[in-house]
Amino acid sequence: MRAAATLGGDPRLRAYGRLDAEIARDSAPIAPFSNPTAHDLFSARIGCQAYQPLYGIDLATLCVRH
């Protein structure tokens, strides 16, 4: 990534494109699926939120604060 950052223009875009494909294929294939852009909103009384990377909020762990 540091080498790609030193480039400019089209060579830089191609280098980042190759890095994107390489990382998704070899290093972190689940990353595009475990980084959702959805947000979970709860009232102030709900606690014990536990986020599970593949499935989202674990509903069984939620609790009500008193």
N, C-alpha and C. Protein backbone atom coordinates (compact mmCIF):
# COMPACT_ATOMS: atom_id res chain seq x y z
N MET A 1 0.81 -1.17 0.00
CA MET A 1 0.00 0.00 0.00
C MET A 1 0.87 1.25 0.00
N ARG A 2 1.98 1.19 0.68
CA ARG A 2 2.86 2.36 0.69
C ARG A 2 3.42 2.62 -0.70
N ALA A 3 3.78 1.56 -1.41
CA ALA A 3 4.32 1.72 -2.76
C ALA A 3 3.24 2.29 -3.69
N ALA A 4 2.02 1.82 -3.56
CA ALA A 4 0.93 2.33 -4.40
C ALA A 4 0.65 3.79 -4.09
N ALA A 5 0.79 4.19 -2.85
CA ALA A 5 0.53 5.57 -2.45
C ALA A 5 1.53 6.54 -3.06
N THR A 6 2.71 6.06 -3.41
CA THR A 6 3.72 6.95 -4.00
C THR A 6 3.48 7.19 -5.48
N LEU A 7 2.64 6.38 -6.10
CA LEU A 7 2.35 6.53 -7.52
C LEU A 7 1.31 7.63 -7.74
N GLY A 8 1.08 7.95 -8.99
CA GLY A 8 0.07 8.94 -9.31
C GLY A 8 -0.70 8.52 -10.56
N GLY A 9 -1.86 9.11 -10.74
CA GLY A 9 -2.65 8.88 -11.94
C GLY A 9 -3.12 7.45 -12.12
N ASP A 10 -3.13 7.01 -13.39
CA ASP A 10 -3.60 5.67 -13.72
C ASP A 10 -2.76 4.56 -13.08
N PRO A 11 -1.42 4.68 -13.02
CA PRO A 11 -0.65 3.62 -12.36
C PRO A 11 -1.07 3.42 -10.90
N ARG A 12 -1.39 4.52 -10.22
CA ARG A 12 -1.85 4.42 -8.83
C ARG A 12 -3.19 3.69 -8.74
N LEU A 13 -4.12 4.04 -9.62
CA LEU A 13 -5.42 3.38 -9.62
C LEU A 13 -5.29 1.89 -9.91
N ARG A 14 -4.44 1.54 -10.88
CA ARG A 14 -4.24 0.11 -11.19
C ARG A 14 -3.59 -0.63 -10.03
N ALA A 15 -2.62 0.01 -9.36
CA ALA A 15 -1.96 -0.62 -8.22
C ALA A 15 -2.95 -0.87 -7.09
N TYR A 16 -3.81 0.12 -6.79
CA TYR A 16 -4.82 -0.07 -5.75
C TYR A 16 -5.85 -1.13 -6.16
N GLY A 17 -6.17 -1.19 -7.44
CA GLY A 17 -7.09 -2.22 -7.93
C GLY A 17 -6.50 -3.61 -7.74
N ARG A 18 -5.22 -3.77 -8.06
CA ARG A 18 -4.56 -5.07 -7.86
C ARG A 18 -4.51 -5.43 -6.37
N LEU A 19 -4.21 -4.45 -5.53
CA LEU A 19 -4.19 -4.69 -4.08
C LEU A 19 -5.57 -5.10 -3.58
N ASP A 20 -6.61 -4.44 -4.06
CA ASP A 20 -7.97 -4.77 -3.65
C ASP A 20 -8.29 -6.22 -3.98
N ALA A 21 -8.01 -6.63 -5.20
CA ALA A 21 -8.28 -8.01 -5.62
C ALA A 21 -7.44 -9.00 -4.83
N GLU A 22 -6.17 -8.69 -4.62
CA GLU A 22 -5.27 -9.60 -3.90
C GLU A 22 -5.69 -9.76 -2.43
N ILE A 23 -6.01 -8.68 -1.78
CA ILE A 23 -6.42 -8.75 -0.37
C ILE A 23 -7.74 -9.50 -0.23
N ALA A 24 -8.70 -9.20 -1.10
CA ALA A 24 -10.01 -9.88 -1.04
C ALA A 24 -9.87 -11.37 -1.34
N ARG A 25 -8.95 -11.73 -2.22
CA ARG A 25 -8.78 -13.14 -2.59
C ARG A 25 -7.97 -13.92 -1.55
N ASP A 26 -6.88 -13.32 -1.06
CA ASP A 26 -5.92 -14.09 -0.25
C ASP A 26 -5.96 -13.81 1.25
N SER A 27 -6.12 -12.57 1.63
CA SER A 27 -5.94 -12.21 3.03
C SER A 27 -7.23 -12.08 3.82
N ALA A 28 -8.25 -11.51 3.23
CA ALA A 28 -9.48 -11.25 3.97
C ALA A 28 -10.70 -11.46 3.09
N PRO A 29 -10.95 -12.70 2.65
CA PRO A 29 -12.06 -12.92 1.72
C PRO A 29 -13.44 -12.63 2.30
N ILE A 30 -13.60 -12.66 3.61
CA ILE A 30 -14.91 -12.41 4.21
C ILE A 30 -15.14 -10.93 4.49
N ALA A 31 -14.11 -10.10 4.39
CA ALA A 31 -14.22 -8.68 4.73
C ALA A 31 -15.35 -7.95 4.00
N PRO A 32 -15.55 -8.14 2.71
CA PRO A 32 -16.66 -7.42 2.06
C PRO A 32 -18.03 -7.81 2.60
N PHE A 33 -18.14 -8.98 3.15
CA PHE A 33 -19.42 -9.46 3.65
C PHE A 33 -19.62 -9.15 5.13
N SER A 34 -18.53 -8.96 5.88
CA SER A 34 -18.66 -8.74 7.32
C SER A 34 -18.50 -7.28 7.70
N ASN A 35 -18.59 -6.39 6.75
CA ASN A 35 -18.53 -4.96 7.02
C ASN A 35 -19.78 -4.28 6.46
N PRO A 36 -20.93 -4.56 7.06
CA PRO A 36 -22.15 -3.97 6.51
C PRO A 36 -22.23 -2.48 6.80
N THR A 37 -23.00 -1.79 5.99
CA THR A 37 -23.19 -0.36 6.22
C THR A 37 -24.48 -0.10 6.99
N ALA A 38 -25.17 -1.15 7.41
CA ALA A 38 -26.40 -1.00 8.17
C ALA A 38 -26.08 -0.61 9.61
N HIS A 39 -27.00 0.10 10.22
CA HIS A 39 -26.84 0.50 11.62
C HIS A 39 -27.96 -0.10 12.44
N ASP A 40 -27.63 -0.53 13.64
CA ASP A 40 -28.62 -1.06 14.56
C ASP A 40 -28.89 -0.01 15.63
N LEU A 41 -30.13 0.40 15.75
CA LEU A 41 -30.49 1.43 16.71
C LEU A 41 -31.33 0.82 17.83
N PHE A 42 -31.00 1.17 19.06
CA PHE A 42 -31.70 0.66 20.23
C PHE A 42 -32.04 1.83 21.14
N SER A 43 -33.09 1.66 21.93
CA SER A 43 -33.41 2.69 22.91
C SER A 43 -32.34 2.69 24.00
N ALA A 44 -32.33 3.73 24.80
CA ALA A 44 -31.34 3.85 25.88
C ALA A 44 -31.49 2.74 26.92
N ARG A 45 -32.66 2.14 27.01
CA ARG A 45 -32.90 1.09 28.00
C ARG A 45 -32.36 -0.27 27.57
N ILE A 46 -31.98 -0.42 26.31
CA ILE A 46 -31.48 -1.72 25.84
C ILE A 46 -29.97 -1.76 25.99
N GLY A 47 -29.50 -2.79 26.64
CA GLY A 47 -28.06 -2.97 26.83
C GLY A 47 -27.62 -4.34 26.35
N CYS A 48 -26.40 -4.68 26.67
CA CYS A 48 -25.83 -6.01 26.38
C CYS A 48 -25.74 -6.30 24.88
N GLN A 49 -25.59 -5.26 24.06
CA GLN A 49 -25.47 -5.52 22.63
C GLN A 49 -24.17 -6.23 22.33
N ALA A 50 -24.27 -7.32 21.62
CA ALA A 50 -23.10 -8.08 21.19
C ALA A 50 -23.17 -8.22 19.68
N TYR A 51 -22.17 -7.69 19.00
CA TYR A 51 -22.14 -7.75 17.54
C TYR A 51 -21.37 -8.97 17.09
N GLN A 52 -21.96 -9.79 16.27
CA GLN A 52 -21.32 -10.97 15.70
C GLN A 52 -21.00 -10.61 14.25
N PRO A 53 -19.71 -10.63 13.83
CA PRO A 53 -19.32 -10.10 12.53
C PRO A 53 -20.05 -10.69 11.32
N LEU A 54 -20.38 -11.94 11.35
CA LEU A 54 -21.04 -12.54 10.18
C LEU A 54 -22.54 -12.36 10.16
N TYR A 55 -23.17 -12.26 11.34
CA TYR A 55 -24.63 -12.26 11.40
C TYR A 55 -25.22 -10.96 11.95
N GLY A 56 -24.42 -10.10 12.50
CA GLY A 56 -24.92 -8.84 13.05
C GLY A 56 -25.19 -8.94 14.55
N ILE A 57 -26.16 -8.17 15.02
CA ILE A 57 -26.47 -8.15 16.45
C ILE A 57 -27.00 -9.50 16.90
N ASP A 58 -26.46 -9.98 18.00
CA ASP A 58 -26.92 -11.23 18.60
C ASP A 58 -28.13 -10.89 19.48
N LEU A 59 -29.32 -11.16 18.97
CA LEU A 59 -30.54 -10.78 19.67
C LEU A 59 -30.71 -11.49 21.01
N ALA A 60 -30.13 -12.67 21.15
CA ALA A 60 -30.27 -13.43 22.39
C ALA A 60 -29.52 -12.79 23.55
N THR A 61 -28.58 -11.90 23.27
CA THR A 61 -27.80 -11.29 24.36
C THR A 61 -28.38 -9.96 24.83
N LEU A 62 -29.36 -9.41 24.14
CA LEU A 62 -29.92 -8.12 24.53
C LEU A 62 -30.59 -8.20 25.90
N CYS A 63 -30.49 -7.12 26.66
CA CYS A 63 -31.14 -7.07 27.98
C CYS A 63 -31.73 -5.68 28.18
N VAL A 64 -32.62 -5.57 29.14
CA VAL A 64 -33.26 -4.28 29.47
C VAL A 64 -32.58 -3.73 30.72
N ARG A 65 -32.16 -2.48 30.63
CA ARG A 65 -31.55 -1.81 31.78
C ARG A 65 -32.64 -1.26 32.67
N HIS A 66 -32.40 -1.27 33.96
CA HIS A 66 -33.39 -0.76 34.91
C HIS A 66 -32.98 0.58 35.44
